[in-house]
Amino acid sequence: MTNYAELATGAHEQSSHGGVILTATLLELLTAAQSKVELDRDAAQACLSRATALLSASLERERGPKSESAFRGGLPAWQAKRLTAFIEENLEQPIRSPDLVALTGLSPGHFFRTFKETFGQTPFAYIARLRIERAQQMMLTSSHSLCEIALDCGMCDQSHLTRMFRQRVGMTPGEWRRVHCLRTN
């Protein structure tokens, strides 16, 4: 009987020896997932996850250094995706710079330079922009008070939302909401 945990963890080493071994490993992982899907969903999911990771890693190796330099001095695509996912998932709570730096494994100075090169703005300007965009979306789609929206978007209070909103949009959230709600009705 095949030990799927060993297969999943050892496949990366084997895949470096050639495409045939990678293909055979992937086939075995997918076959195992298919046979386990009804009996043990967790084992099937683990096999599918590992197969996906192997294919992704193989593709990255084949693309070579071009994919790493896609941002011309910025973050590699995988780090950019990891950061955007983390920020979007945690937008309603404080996001600290050490948490962002830890996601990349870079030094703080290098992190801030490459983040700005990749996203065109500092991490906190980027986070503020996403929070304002989320607040705008919530103002258009809900009848929540501005205080509730501010808290749901990671702001301290309504005045914090108002200050940031006015800086970035040029009007207060209340004014913006009135103008845009009139257009949609």
N, C-alpha and C. Protein backbone atom coordinates (compact mmCIF):
# COMPACT_ATOMS: atom_id res chain seq x y z
N MET A 1 0.84 -1.18 0.00
CA MET A 1 0.00 0.00 0.00
C MET A 1 0.89 1.25 0.00
N THR A 2 0.50 2.23 -0.78
CA THR A 2 1.30 3.44 -0.92
C THR A 2 1.11 4.35 0.27
N ASN A 3 2.19 4.91 0.78
CA ASN A 3 2.12 5.90 1.85
C ASN A 3 2.03 7.26 1.17
N TYR A 4 0.83 7.84 1.18
CA TYR A 4 0.57 9.07 0.42
C TYR A 4 1.27 10.28 1.02
N ALA A 5 1.50 10.28 2.30
CA ALA A 5 2.23 11.39 2.91
C ALA A 5 3.67 11.41 2.42
N GLU A 6 4.32 10.21 2.39
CA GLU A 6 5.69 10.13 1.87
C GLU A 6 5.73 10.49 0.40
N LEU A 7 4.76 10.02 -0.34
CA LEU A 7 4.69 10.31 -1.76
C LEU A 7 4.55 11.81 -1.98
N ALA A 8 3.69 12.44 -1.22
CA ALA A 8 3.46 13.87 -1.38
C ALA A 8 4.68 14.69 -1.02
N THR A 9 5.40 14.31 0.06
CA THR A 9 6.55 15.12 0.47
C THR A 9 7.79 14.80 -0.34
N GLY A 10 7.94 13.57 -0.80
CA GLY A 10 9.13 13.19 -1.55
C GLY A 10 9.04 13.48 -3.03
N ALA A 11 7.89 13.86 -3.51
CA ALA A 11 7.72 14.06 -4.94
C ALA A 11 8.54 15.22 -5.47
N HIS A 12 8.74 16.24 -4.67
CA HIS A 12 9.51 17.39 -5.13
C HIS A 12 10.94 16.99 -5.47
N GLU A 13 11.55 16.18 -4.60
CA GLU A 13 12.91 15.73 -4.86
C GLU A 13 12.96 14.89 -6.13
N GLN A 14 11.99 14.01 -6.31
CA GLN A 14 11.96 13.15 -7.47
C GLN A 14 11.74 13.94 -8.75
N SER A 15 10.91 14.99 -8.67
CA SER A 15 10.56 15.72 -9.88
C SER A 15 11.76 16.41 -10.50
N SER A 16 12.80 16.69 -9.71
CA SER A 16 13.97 17.34 -10.26
C SER A 16 14.76 16.40 -11.16
N HIS A 17 14.52 15.08 -11.11
CA HIS A 17 15.23 14.12 -11.93
C HIS A 17 14.61 13.96 -13.31
N GLY A 18 13.51 14.57 -13.57
CA GLY A 18 12.98 14.49 -14.91
C GLY A 18 11.48 14.53 -14.96
N GLY A 19 10.99 14.84 -16.15
CA GLY A 19 9.56 14.96 -16.37
C GLY A 19 8.81 13.65 -16.21
N VAL A 20 9.45 12.53 -16.51
CA VAL A 20 8.79 11.23 -16.42
C VAL A 20 8.44 10.92 -14.96
N ILE A 21 9.38 11.17 -14.08
CA ILE A 21 9.14 10.91 -12.66
C ILE A 21 8.05 11.84 -12.14
N LEU A 22 8.09 13.12 -12.56
CA LEU A 22 7.07 14.08 -12.15
C LEU A 22 5.70 13.63 -12.63
N THR A 23 5.62 13.22 -13.87
CA THR A 23 4.35 12.77 -14.43
C THR A 23 3.83 11.55 -13.69
N ALA A 24 4.71 10.58 -13.41
CA ALA A 24 4.31 9.37 -12.70
C ALA A 24 3.84 9.71 -11.28
N THR A 25 4.54 10.63 -10.63
CA THR A 25 4.16 11.03 -9.27
C THR A 25 2.81 11.72 -9.27
N LEU A 26 2.63 12.62 -10.23
CA LEU A 26 1.34 13.31 -10.33
C LEU A 26 0.21 12.33 -10.62
N LEU A 27 0.44 11.40 -11.51
CA LEU A 27 -0.57 10.40 -11.82
C LEU A 27 -0.93 9.59 -10.58
N GLU A 28 0.07 9.21 -9.81
CA GLU A 28 -0.18 8.43 -8.59
C GLU A 28 -0.95 9.26 -7.55
N LEU A 29 -0.59 10.55 -7.41
CA LEU A 29 -1.31 11.42 -6.48
C LEU A 29 -2.76 11.60 -6.89
N LEU A 30 -2.98 11.83 -8.16
CA LEU A 30 -4.35 12.03 -8.66
C LEU A 30 -5.18 10.75 -8.56
N THR A 31 -4.56 9.62 -8.83
CA THR A 31 -5.26 8.34 -8.70
C THR A 31 -5.64 8.10 -7.24
N ALA A 32 -4.72 8.39 -6.34
CA ALA A 32 -5.00 8.24 -4.91
C ALA A 32 -6.13 9.16 -4.48
N ALA A 33 -6.10 10.38 -4.95
CA ALA A 33 -7.15 11.34 -4.61
C ALA A 33 -8.50 10.85 -5.12
N GLN A 34 -8.50 10.35 -6.33
CA GLN A 34 -9.75 9.86 -6.92
C GLN A 34 -10.32 8.69 -6.13
N SER A 35 -9.46 7.78 -5.69
CA SER A 35 -9.95 6.61 -4.95
C SER A 35 -10.37 6.97 -3.52
N LYS A 36 -9.82 8.04 -2.96
CA LYS A 36 -10.11 8.40 -1.57
C LYS A 36 -11.21 9.45 -1.43
N VAL A 37 -11.64 10.05 -2.51
CA VAL A 37 -12.54 11.20 -2.43
C VAL A 37 -13.82 10.89 -1.66
N GLU A 38 -14.36 9.72 -1.77
CA GLU A 38 -15.59 9.37 -1.07
C GLU A 38 -15.34 8.89 0.36
N LEU A 39 -14.19 8.22 0.58
CA LEU A 39 -13.92 7.63 1.89
C LEU A 39 -13.19 8.56 2.84
N ASP A 40 -12.21 9.29 2.32
CA ASP A 40 -11.38 10.14 3.17
C ASP A 40 -11.08 11.44 2.43
N ARG A 41 -11.99 12.39 2.57
CA ARG A 41 -11.86 13.66 1.84
C ARG A 41 -10.57 14.41 2.19
N ASP A 42 -10.14 14.33 3.44
CA ASP A 42 -8.91 15.03 3.84
C ASP A 42 -7.69 14.47 3.10
N ALA A 43 -7.61 13.15 3.01
CA ALA A 43 -6.49 12.52 2.29
C ALA A 43 -6.55 12.88 0.81
N ALA A 44 -7.75 12.87 0.24
CA ALA A 44 -7.91 13.23 -1.16
C ALA A 44 -7.50 14.68 -1.39
N GLN A 45 -7.92 15.56 -0.49
CA GLN A 45 -7.56 16.98 -0.60
C GLN A 45 -6.06 17.17 -0.49
N ALA A 46 -5.41 16.43 0.41
CA ALA A 46 -3.96 16.53 0.56
C ALA A 46 -3.25 16.11 -0.72
N CYS A 47 -3.72 15.04 -1.34
CA CYS A 47 -3.12 14.58 -2.60
C CYS A 47 -3.31 15.62 -3.70
N LEU A 48 -4.51 16.18 -3.80
CA LEU A 48 -4.78 17.19 -4.83
C LEU A 48 -3.96 18.46 -4.59
N SER A 49 -3.83 18.85 -3.35
CA SER A 49 -3.04 20.04 -3.03
C SER A 49 -1.58 19.84 -3.41
N ARG A 50 -1.05 18.68 -3.08
CA ARG A 50 0.35 18.40 -3.40
C ARG A 50 0.56 18.32 -4.91
N ALA A 51 -0.38 17.72 -5.64
CA ALA A 51 -0.28 17.65 -7.10
C ALA A 51 -0.30 19.05 -7.70
N THR A 52 -1.16 19.89 -7.19
CA THR A 52 -1.23 21.27 -7.68
C THR A 52 0.08 22.00 -7.40
N ALA A 53 0.62 21.84 -6.21
CA ALA A 53 1.88 22.49 -5.85
C ALA A 53 3.03 22.00 -6.73
N LEU A 54 3.06 20.70 -7.01
CA LEU A 54 4.11 20.15 -7.87
C LEU A 54 4.03 20.72 -9.28
N LEU A 55 2.82 20.78 -9.81
CA LEU A 55 2.65 21.33 -11.16
C LEU A 55 3.05 22.81 -11.19
N SER A 56 2.66 23.53 -10.18
CA SER A 56 3.00 24.95 -10.11
C SER A 56 4.52 25.15 -10.02
N ALA A 57 5.17 24.37 -9.17
CA ALA A 57 6.63 24.47 -9.03
C ALA A 57 7.33 24.09 -10.32
N SER A 58 6.83 23.07 -10.98
CA SER A 58 7.41 22.64 -12.25
C SER A 58 7.30 23.73 -13.29
N LEU A 59 6.15 24.37 -13.34
CA LEU A 59 5.94 25.46 -14.29
C LEU A 59 6.88 26.62 -13.99
N GLU A 60 7.05 26.96 -12.73
CA GLU A 60 7.96 28.05 -12.34
C GLU A 60 9.39 27.73 -12.75
N ARG A 61 9.82 26.47 -12.56
CA ARG A 61 11.19 26.09 -12.95
C ARG A 61 11.37 26.19 -14.46
N GLU A 62 10.36 25.78 -15.22
CA GLU A 62 10.46 25.84 -16.68
C GLU A 62 10.50 27.27 -17.19
N ARG A 63 9.78 28.15 -16.52
CA ARG A 63 9.78 29.56 -16.93
C ARG A 63 11.12 30.21 -16.63
N GLY A 64 11.81 29.71 -15.62
CA GLY A 64 13.13 30.22 -15.28
C GLY A 64 13.09 31.58 -14.63
N PRO A 65 14.19 32.31 -14.72
CA PRO A 65 14.31 33.58 -14.01
C PRO A 65 13.39 34.67 -14.54
N LYS A 66 12.83 34.51 -15.72
CA LYS A 66 11.94 35.54 -16.26
C LYS A 66 10.78 35.82 -15.33
N SER A 67 10.17 34.77 -14.77
CA SER A 67 9.01 34.98 -13.91
C SER A 67 9.41 35.69 -12.61
N GLU A 68 10.61 35.45 -12.12
CA GLU A 68 11.05 36.11 -10.89
C GLU A 68 11.30 37.60 -11.11
N SER A 69 11.70 37.98 -12.30
CA SER A 69 11.99 39.39 -12.54
C SER A 69 10.84 40.10 -13.23
N ALA A 70 9.67 39.51 -13.19
CA ALA A 70 8.52 40.09 -13.88
C ALA A 70 8.19 41.48 -13.35
N PHE A 71 8.49 41.74 -12.08
CA PHE A 71 8.18 43.04 -11.50
C PHE A 71 9.37 43.99 -11.56
N ARG A 72 10.46 43.60 -12.24
CA ARG A 72 11.63 44.45 -12.43
C ARG A 72 12.10 45.05 -11.11
N GLY A 73 12.58 44.22 -10.23
CA GLY A 73 13.08 44.70 -8.96
C GLY A 73 12.07 44.62 -7.84
N GLY A 74 10.86 44.24 -8.16
CA GLY A 74 9.82 44.12 -7.15
C GLY A 74 9.76 42.73 -6.56
N LEU A 75 8.66 42.45 -5.93
CA LEU A 75 8.45 41.16 -5.30
C LEU A 75 8.15 40.09 -6.34
N PRO A 76 8.59 38.87 -6.12
CA PRO A 76 8.17 37.77 -6.99
C PRO A 76 6.64 37.60 -6.91
N ALA A 77 6.06 37.05 -7.94
CA ALA A 77 4.60 36.92 -8.03
C ALA A 77 4.02 36.18 -6.82
N TRP A 78 4.68 35.14 -6.36
CA TRP A 78 4.13 34.37 -5.25
C TRP A 78 4.09 35.20 -3.97
N GLN A 79 5.09 36.05 -3.76
CA GLN A 79 5.08 36.90 -2.56
C GLN A 79 4.01 37.99 -2.68
N ALA A 80 3.86 38.55 -3.88
CA ALA A 80 2.83 39.57 -4.09
C ALA A 80 1.45 38.99 -3.84
N LYS A 81 1.21 37.77 -4.34
CA LYS A 81 -0.09 37.12 -4.12
C LYS A 81 -0.31 36.83 -2.64
N ARG A 82 0.71 36.36 -1.97
CA ARG A 82 0.60 36.06 -0.54
C ARG A 82 0.26 37.32 0.24
N LEU A 83 0.92 38.42 -0.08
CA LEU A 83 0.67 39.68 0.62
C LEU A 83 -0.74 40.21 0.35
N THR A 84 -1.16 40.21 -0.91
CA THR A 84 -2.50 40.73 -1.23
C THR A 84 -3.57 39.88 -0.57
N ALA A 85 -3.40 38.57 -0.56
CA ALA A 85 -4.39 37.71 0.09
C ALA A 85 -4.45 38.00 1.60
N PHE A 86 -3.29 38.13 2.23
CA PHE A 86 -3.24 38.41 3.67
C PHE A 86 -3.91 39.75 3.97
N ILE A 87 -3.59 40.76 3.19
CA ILE A 87 -4.15 42.09 3.43
C ILE A 87 -5.67 42.07 3.24
N GLU A 88 -6.14 41.47 2.17
CA GLU A 88 -7.58 41.44 1.91
C GLU A 88 -8.34 40.65 2.98
N GLU A 89 -7.74 39.58 3.47
CA GLU A 89 -8.39 38.77 4.51
C GLU A 89 -8.41 39.45 5.88
N ASN A 90 -7.49 40.39 6.10
CA ASN A 90 -7.36 41.03 7.40
C ASN A 90 -7.65 42.52 7.37
N LEU A 91 -8.32 42.99 6.36
CA LEU A 91 -8.54 44.42 6.18
C LEU A 91 -9.32 45.06 7.32
N GLU A 92 -10.17 44.30 8.00
CA GLU A 92 -11.01 44.86 9.07
C GLU A 92 -10.28 44.98 10.40
N GLN A 93 -9.03 44.55 10.46
CA GLN A 93 -8.29 44.63 11.70
C GLN A 93 -6.94 45.31 11.45
N PRO A 94 -6.26 45.70 12.51
CA PRO A 94 -4.95 46.35 12.31
C PRO A 94 -3.98 45.41 11.60
N ILE A 95 -3.27 45.93 10.63
CA ILE A 95 -2.25 45.17 9.91
C ILE A 95 -0.91 45.84 10.21
N ARG A 96 -0.04 45.10 10.86
CA ARG A 96 1.24 45.65 11.29
C ARG A 96 2.34 45.34 10.28
N SER A 97 3.29 46.24 10.17
CA SER A 97 4.39 46.02 9.23
C SER A 97 5.20 44.77 9.55
N PRO A 98 5.48 44.42 10.82
CA PRO A 98 6.23 43.18 11.06
C PRO A 98 5.51 41.94 10.53
N ASP A 99 4.18 41.96 10.55
CA ASP A 99 3.42 40.82 10.01
C ASP A 99 3.61 40.71 8.50
N LEU A 100 3.61 41.86 7.83
CA LEU A 100 3.80 41.85 6.37
C LEU A 100 5.22 41.43 6.01
N VAL A 101 6.19 41.96 6.74
CA VAL A 101 7.59 41.62 6.49
C VAL A 101 7.80 40.12 6.70
N ALA A 102 7.20 39.57 7.75
CA ALA A 102 7.36 38.14 8.05
C ALA A 102 6.82 37.25 6.94
N LEU A 103 5.80 37.71 6.24
CA LEU A 103 5.24 36.91 5.14
C LEU A 103 6.22 36.72 3.99
N THR A 104 7.13 37.66 3.84
CA THR A 104 8.07 37.61 2.71
C THR A 104 9.43 37.05 3.09
N GLY A 105 9.80 37.17 4.36
CA GLY A 105 11.12 36.71 4.77
C GLY A 105 12.23 37.68 4.38
N LEU A 106 11.89 38.88 3.97
CA LEU A 106 12.87 39.89 3.58
C LEU A 106 13.22 40.77 4.77
N SER A 107 14.30 41.52 4.65
CA SER A 107 14.60 42.52 5.68
C SER A 107 13.58 43.64 5.54
N PRO A 108 13.30 44.38 6.61
CA PRO A 108 12.29 45.45 6.51
C PRO A 108 12.58 46.47 5.41
N GLY A 109 13.83 46.91 5.30
CA GLY A 109 14.17 47.89 4.28
C GLY A 109 13.93 47.37 2.87
N HIS A 110 14.38 46.15 2.63
CA HIS A 110 14.19 45.54 1.31
C HIS A 110 12.70 45.31 1.03
N PHE A 111 11.97 44.89 2.06
CA PHE A 111 10.53 44.67 1.90
C PHE A 111 9.83 45.95 1.44
N PHE A 112 10.10 47.06 2.14
CA PHE A 112 9.39 48.30 1.80
C PHE A 112 9.76 48.79 0.40
N ARG A 113 11.02 48.64 0.00
CA ARG A 113 11.42 49.05 -1.36
C ARG A 113 10.74 48.20 -2.42
N THR A 114 10.76 46.88 -2.22
CA THR A 114 10.19 46.00 -3.24
C THR A 114 8.67 46.07 -3.26
N PHE A 115 8.05 46.31 -2.11
CA PHE A 115 6.60 46.46 -2.08
C PHE A 115 6.20 47.68 -2.93
N LYS A 116 6.89 48.78 -2.72
CA LYS A 116 6.57 50.00 -3.47
C LYS A 116 6.83 49.81 -4.96
N GLU A 117 7.89 49.11 -5.31
CA GLU A 117 8.19 48.84 -6.71
C GLU A 117 7.09 47.97 -7.34
N THR A 118 6.60 47.01 -6.58
CA THR A 118 5.59 46.09 -7.09
C THR A 118 4.20 46.73 -7.19
N PHE A 119 3.76 47.41 -6.14
CA PHE A 119 2.40 47.92 -6.07
C PHE A 119 2.27 49.41 -6.38
N GLY A 120 3.41 50.09 -6.53
CA GLY A 120 3.36 51.51 -6.88
C GLY A 120 3.07 52.44 -5.71
N GLN A 121 3.00 51.91 -4.52
CA GLN A 121 2.78 52.72 -3.33
C GLN A 121 3.25 51.96 -2.11
N THR A 122 3.38 52.68 -1.00
CA THR A 122 3.84 52.04 0.24
C THR A 122 2.77 51.06 0.72
N PRO A 123 3.15 50.13 1.60
CA PRO A 123 2.16 49.18 2.11
C PRO A 123 0.97 49.86 2.77
N PHE A 124 1.22 50.91 3.52
CA PHE A 124 0.11 51.53 4.25
C PHE A 124 -0.76 52.38 3.35
N ALA A 125 -0.20 52.96 2.30
CA ALA A 125 -1.03 53.66 1.31
C ALA A 125 -1.89 52.64 0.55
N TYR A 126 -1.31 51.50 0.24
CA TYR A 126 -2.04 50.43 -0.44
C TYR A 126 -3.20 49.93 0.43
N ILE A 127 -2.91 49.69 1.71
CA ILE A 127 -3.95 49.22 2.64
C ILE A 127 -5.04 50.27 2.80
N ALA A 128 -4.64 51.53 2.92
CA ALA A 128 -5.63 52.62 3.06
C ALA A 128 -6.52 52.69 1.83
N ARG A 129 -5.93 52.53 0.64
CA ARG A 129 -6.73 52.56 -0.59
C ARG A 129 -7.75 51.42 -0.60
N LEU A 130 -7.31 50.23 -0.22
CA LEU A 130 -8.23 49.08 -0.19
C LEU A 130 -9.35 49.30 0.83
N ARG A 131 -9.01 49.90 1.97
CA ARG A 131 -10.03 50.16 2.99
C ARG A 131 -11.05 51.18 2.50
N ILE A 132 -10.60 52.21 1.81
CA ILE A 132 -11.52 53.21 1.26
C ILE A 132 -12.39 52.57 0.19
N GLU A 133 -11.81 51.74 -0.67
CA GLU A 133 -12.60 51.05 -1.70
C GLU A 133 -13.65 50.15 -1.07
N ARG A 134 -13.27 49.44 0.01
CA ARG A 134 -14.25 48.59 0.69
C ARG A 134 -15.36 49.44 1.32
N ALA A 135 -14.99 50.58 1.90
CA ALA A 135 -15.99 51.47 2.49
C ALA A 135 -16.95 51.98 1.41
N GLN A 136 -16.41 52.34 0.26
CA GLN A 136 -17.27 52.80 -0.84
C GLN A 136 -18.23 51.70 -1.26
N GLN A 137 -17.73 50.49 -1.38
CA GLN A 137 -18.58 49.36 -1.76
C GLN A 137 -19.68 49.13 -0.73
N MET A 138 -19.32 49.21 0.54
CA MET A 138 -20.30 49.00 1.61
C MET A 138 -21.34 50.13 1.62
N MET A 139 -20.92 51.36 1.33
CA MET A 139 -21.87 52.47 1.31
C MET A 139 -22.88 52.31 0.18
N LEU A 140 -22.44 51.71 -0.93
CA LEU A 140 -23.34 51.51 -2.07
C LEU A 140 -24.27 50.32 -1.87
N THR A 141 -23.82 49.31 -1.12
CA THR A 141 -24.58 48.06 -1.05
C THR A 141 -25.27 47.79 0.27
N SER A 142 -25.08 48.68 1.25
CA SER A 142 -25.73 48.44 2.54
C SER A 142 -26.26 49.76 3.11
N SER A 143 -27.07 49.62 4.13
CA SER A 143 -27.58 50.81 4.81
C SER A 143 -26.90 50.99 6.17
N HIS A 144 -25.75 50.35 6.35
CA HIS A 144 -25.00 50.47 7.60
C HIS A 144 -24.61 51.92 7.83
N SER A 145 -24.51 52.28 9.10
CA SER A 145 -24.06 53.62 9.44
C SER A 145 -22.59 53.76 9.06
N LEU A 146 -22.16 55.00 8.92
CA LEU A 146 -20.76 55.24 8.59
C LEU A 146 -19.84 54.76 9.72
N CYS A 147 -20.32 54.81 10.93
CA CYS A 147 -19.54 54.31 12.07
C CYS A 147 -19.31 52.80 11.93
N GLU A 148 -20.35 52.05 11.59
CA GLU A 148 -20.23 50.60 11.40
C GLU A 148 -19.30 50.29 10.23
N ILE A 149 -19.45 51.04 9.15
CA ILE A 149 -18.62 50.83 7.97
C ILE A 149 -17.15 51.09 8.32
N ALA A 150 -16.92 52.15 9.06
CA ALA A 150 -15.54 52.48 9.46
C ALA A 150 -14.92 51.31 10.22
N LEU A 151 -15.63 50.76 11.18
CA LEU A 151 -15.11 49.65 11.97
C LEU A 151 -14.92 48.40 11.12
N ASP A 152 -15.85 48.13 10.20
CA ASP A 152 -15.75 46.96 9.33
C ASP A 152 -14.60 47.07 8.34
N CYS A 153 -14.11 48.28 8.12
CA CYS A 153 -13.02 48.50 7.17
C CYS A 153 -11.68 48.70 7.87
N GLY A 154 -11.63 48.46 9.17
CA GLY A 154 -10.37 48.54 9.88
C GLY A 154 -9.99 49.92 10.37
N MET A 155 -10.94 50.85 10.36
CA MET A 155 -10.67 52.19 10.87
C MET A 155 -10.99 52.22 12.36
N CYS A 156 -10.40 53.18 13.07
CA CYS A 156 -10.63 53.30 14.51
C CYS A 156 -12.04 53.75 14.82
N ASP A 157 -12.54 54.71 14.04
CA ASP A 157 -13.87 55.27 14.26
C ASP A 157 -14.30 56.04 13.00
N GLN A 158 -15.46 56.65 13.05
CA GLN A 158 -15.99 57.35 11.90
C GLN A 158 -15.12 58.55 11.50
N SER A 159 -14.55 59.24 12.48
CA SER A 159 -13.71 60.39 12.14
C SER A 159 -12.44 59.96 11.40
N HIS A 160 -11.92 58.81 11.77
CA HIS A 160 -10.76 58.25 11.06
C HIS A 160 -11.14 57.98 9.60
N LEU A 161 -12.28 57.36 9.39
CA LEU A 161 -12.77 57.11 8.03
C LEU A 161 -12.93 58.44 7.28
N THR A 162 -13.52 59.43 7.93
CA THR A 162 -13.77 60.71 7.27
C THR A 162 -12.46 61.38 6.85
N ARG A 163 -11.47 61.38 7.74
CA ARG A 163 -10.17 62.00 7.40
C ARG A 163 -9.52 61.30 6.21
N MET A 164 -9.43 59.97 6.28
CA MET A 164 -8.79 59.23 5.20
C MET A 164 -9.57 59.35 3.90
N PHE A 165 -10.89 59.30 4.00
CA PHE A 165 -11.75 59.36 2.82
C PHE A 165 -11.58 60.72 2.13
N ARG A 166 -11.60 61.79 2.92
CA ARG A 166 -11.47 63.14 2.35
C ARG A 166 -10.10 63.30 1.68
N GLN A 167 -9.04 62.77 2.27
CA GLN A 167 -7.70 62.87 1.69
C GLN A 167 -7.64 62.16 0.34
N ARG A 168 -8.27 61.02 0.24
CA ARG A 168 -8.13 60.20 -0.96
C ARG A 168 -9.20 60.45 -2.01
N VAL A 169 -10.39 60.82 -1.60
CA VAL A 169 -11.51 60.96 -2.54
C VAL A 169 -11.85 62.43 -2.79
N GLY A 170 -11.56 63.29 -1.83
CA GLY A 170 -11.83 64.71 -2.01
C GLY A 170 -13.16 65.18 -1.45
N MET A 171 -13.87 64.30 -0.79
CA MET A 171 -15.13 64.66 -0.13
C MET A 171 -15.33 63.72 1.04
N THR A 172 -16.27 64.05 1.91
CA THR A 172 -16.52 63.20 3.07
C THR A 172 -17.29 61.96 2.64
N PRO A 173 -17.27 60.91 3.45
CA PRO A 173 -18.04 59.71 3.11
C PRO A 173 -19.54 60.00 2.98
N GLY A 174 -20.07 60.86 3.85
CA GLY A 174 -21.50 61.20 3.78
C GLY A 174 -21.84 61.88 2.47
N GLU A 175 -21.00 62.84 2.05
CA GLU A 175 -21.23 63.52 0.77
C GLU A 175 -21.15 62.53 -0.38
N TRP A 176 -20.12 61.69 -0.35
CA TRP A 176 -19.92 60.70 -1.42
C TRP A 176 -21.11 59.75 -1.50
N ARG A 177 -21.59 59.31 -0.36
CA ARG A 177 -22.72 58.38 -0.31
C ARG A 177 -23.97 59.02 -0.89
N ARG A 178 -24.24 60.28 -0.53
CA ARG A 178 -25.42 60.98 -1.06
C ARG A 178 -25.34 61.12 -2.58
N VAL A 179 -24.18 61.51 -3.08
CA VAL A 179 -24.01 61.71 -4.52
C VAL A 179 -24.20 60.39 -5.26
N HIS A 180 -23.58 59.33 -4.77
CA HIS A 180 -23.63 58.06 -5.48
C HIS A 180 -24.93 57.30 -5.27
N CYS A 181 -25.58 57.50 -4.16
CA CYS A 181 -26.89 56.84 -3.96
C CYS A 181 -27.93 57.50 -4.83
N LEU A 182 -27.84 58.80 -5.06
CA LEU A 182 -28.77 59.50 -5.95
C LEU A 182 -28.61 59.01 -7.38
N ARG A 183 -27.38 58.74 -7.80
CA ARG A 183 -27.13 58.26 -9.17
C ARG A 183 -27.69 56.87 -9.39
N THR A 184 -27.64 56.03 -8.37
CA THR A 184 -28.07 54.64 -8.54
C THR A 184 -29.58 54.48 -8.37
N ASN A 185 -30.26 55.45 -7.75
CA ASN A 185 -31.72 55.33 -7.55
C ASN A 185 -32.49 55.94 -8.68
